[in-house]
């Protein structure tokens, strides 16, 4: 992993080394001027790798189709609910009653 020291320099350490890092260790690394300045804000980032995927190969590996079944074929979105069904639900009070 890449760790940036308080003086702006970066060092490459493992996660175990990072977890064992104390304030004294950081002060020592800065006192001996250890590390290097990053030439780019994307140093060590996965975003900096510009490898293009071959989509033809990925289609063979991953199924990209959607499992979708339309539940409301007439797309009424609840407009076809009967009045008897609506009577089962509580009515919401008007805003004027709450004042």
Protein backbone atom coordinates (compact mmCIF):
# COMPACT_ATOMS: atom_id res chain seq x y z
CA UNK A 1 0.00 0.00 0.00
CA UNK A 2 1.04 3.62 -0.44
CA UNK A 3 1.23 5.72 2.74
CA UNK A 4 1.79 9.47 2.71
CA UNK A 5 3.92 10.88 5.49
CA UNK A 6 2.99 14.23 7.07
CA UNK A 7 5.80 15.91 5.12
CA UNK A 8 4.17 14.94 1.81
CA UNK A 9 6.46 12.09 0.85
CA UNK A 10 5.08 8.64 0.15
CA UNK A 11 6.36 5.24 1.18
CA UNK A 12 5.35 1.75 0.08
CA UNK A 13 4.53 -0.51 3.05
CA UNK A 14 2.44 -3.60 3.72
CA UNK A 15 -0.75 -3.51 5.74
CA UNK A 16 0.99 -5.31 8.61
CA UNK A 17 3.71 -2.64 8.66
CA UNK A 18 1.04 0.07 8.63
CA UNK A 19 -0.75 -1.51 11.57
CA UNK A 20 2.52 -1.69 13.53
CA UNK A 21 3.46 1.92 12.65
CA UNK A 22 3.78 4.22 15.68
CA UNK A 23 4.12 7.99 15.92
CA UNK A 24 7.80 7.55 16.72
CA UNK A 25 8.29 5.50 13.54
CA UNK A 26 6.67 8.25 11.48
CA UNK A 27 8.87 10.90 13.12
CA UNK A 28 11.97 8.78 12.42
CA UNK A 29 11.06 8.31 8.75
CA UNK A 30 10.60 12.05 8.36
CA UNK A 31 13.87 12.82 10.19
CA UNK A 32 15.93 10.69 7.80
CA UNK A 33 14.03 12.20 4.84
CA UNK A 34 12.78 8.76 3.81
CA UNK A 35 10.35 8.34 0.92
CA UNK A 36 9.76 10.04 -2.37
CA UNK A 37 7.45 12.73 -3.63
CA UNK A 38 4.56 11.54 -5.74
CA UNK A 39 4.80 12.69 -9.33
CA UNK A 40 1.09 12.18 -9.84
CA UNK A 41 -1.91 12.09 -7.51
CA UNK A 42 -2.75 8.72 -9.07
CA UNK A 43 0.45 6.92 -7.98
CA UNK A 44 -0.40 3.32 -7.08
CA UNK A 45 -4.05 3.79 -7.96
CA UNK A 46 -6.09 1.24 -9.84
CA UNK A 47 -7.44 4.12 -11.89
CA UNK A 48 -4.05 4.83 -13.43
CA UNK A 49 -3.91 1.47 -15.18
CA UNK A 50 -5.41 1.95 -18.62
CA UNK A 51 -5.93 -1.66 -19.54
CA UNK A 52 -8.93 -2.16 -21.80
CA UNK A 53 -11.06 -5.21 -21.38
CA UNK A 54 -11.91 -7.33 -24.36
CA UNK A 55 -15.71 -7.38 -24.29
CA UNK A 56 -15.95 -10.43 -26.54
CA UNK A 57 -14.06 -12.55 -24.01
CA UNK A 58 -16.06 -11.19 -21.05
CA UNK A 59 -19.37 -12.19 -22.63
CA UNK A 60 -18.29 -15.82 -22.60
CA UNK A 61 -17.38 -15.66 -18.90
CA UNK A 62 -20.23 -13.56 -17.47
CA UNK A 63 -23.91 -13.77 -18.24
CA UNK A 64 -24.99 -10.17 -18.84
CA UNK A 65 -28.64 -10.92 -19.56
CA UNK A 66 -31.25 -9.63 -17.16
CA UNK A 67 -33.75 -11.82 -15.36
CA UNK A 68 -36.76 -9.56 -15.67
CA UNK A 69 -40.41 -10.37 -15.80
CA UNK A 70 -42.93 -7.61 -16.17
CA UNK A 71 -45.40 -7.80 -13.27
CA UNK A 72 -47.81 -5.15 -14.55
CA UNK A 73 -48.15 -5.80 -18.29
CA UNK A 74 -50.63 -2.96 -18.88
CA UNK A 75 -48.33 -0.53 -16.99
CA UNK A 76 -51.22 0.93 -15.02
CA UNK A 77 -49.02 1.32 -11.90
CA UNK A 78 -51.90 0.77 -9.53
CA UNK A 79 -54.54 2.68 -11.46
CA UNK A 80 -56.55 -0.52 -11.88
CA UNK A 81 -57.03 -1.15 -8.14
CA UNK A 82 -60.68 -1.57 -7.23
CA UNK A 83 -62.46 0.67 -4.71
CA UNK A 84 -63.11 -2.35 -2.49
CA UNK A 85 -59.39 -2.98 -2.18
CA UNK A 86 -58.75 0.68 -1.36
CA UNK A 87 -61.34 0.55 1.45
CA UNK A 88 -59.06 -1.86 3.32
CA UNK A 89 -56.42 0.86 3.77
CA UNK A 90 -56.59 3.62 6.37
CA UNK A 91 -57.31 7.11 5.17
CA UNK A 92 -54.65 9.73 5.77
CA UNK A 93 -55.84 12.86 7.57
CA UNK A 94 -55.92 16.17 5.72
CA UNK A 95 -53.23 18.73 6.46
CA UNK A 96 -55.85 21.23 7.71
CA UNK A 97 -56.91 18.85 10.50
CA UNK A 98 -53.37 18.59 11.87
CA UNK A 99 -53.02 22.37 12.36
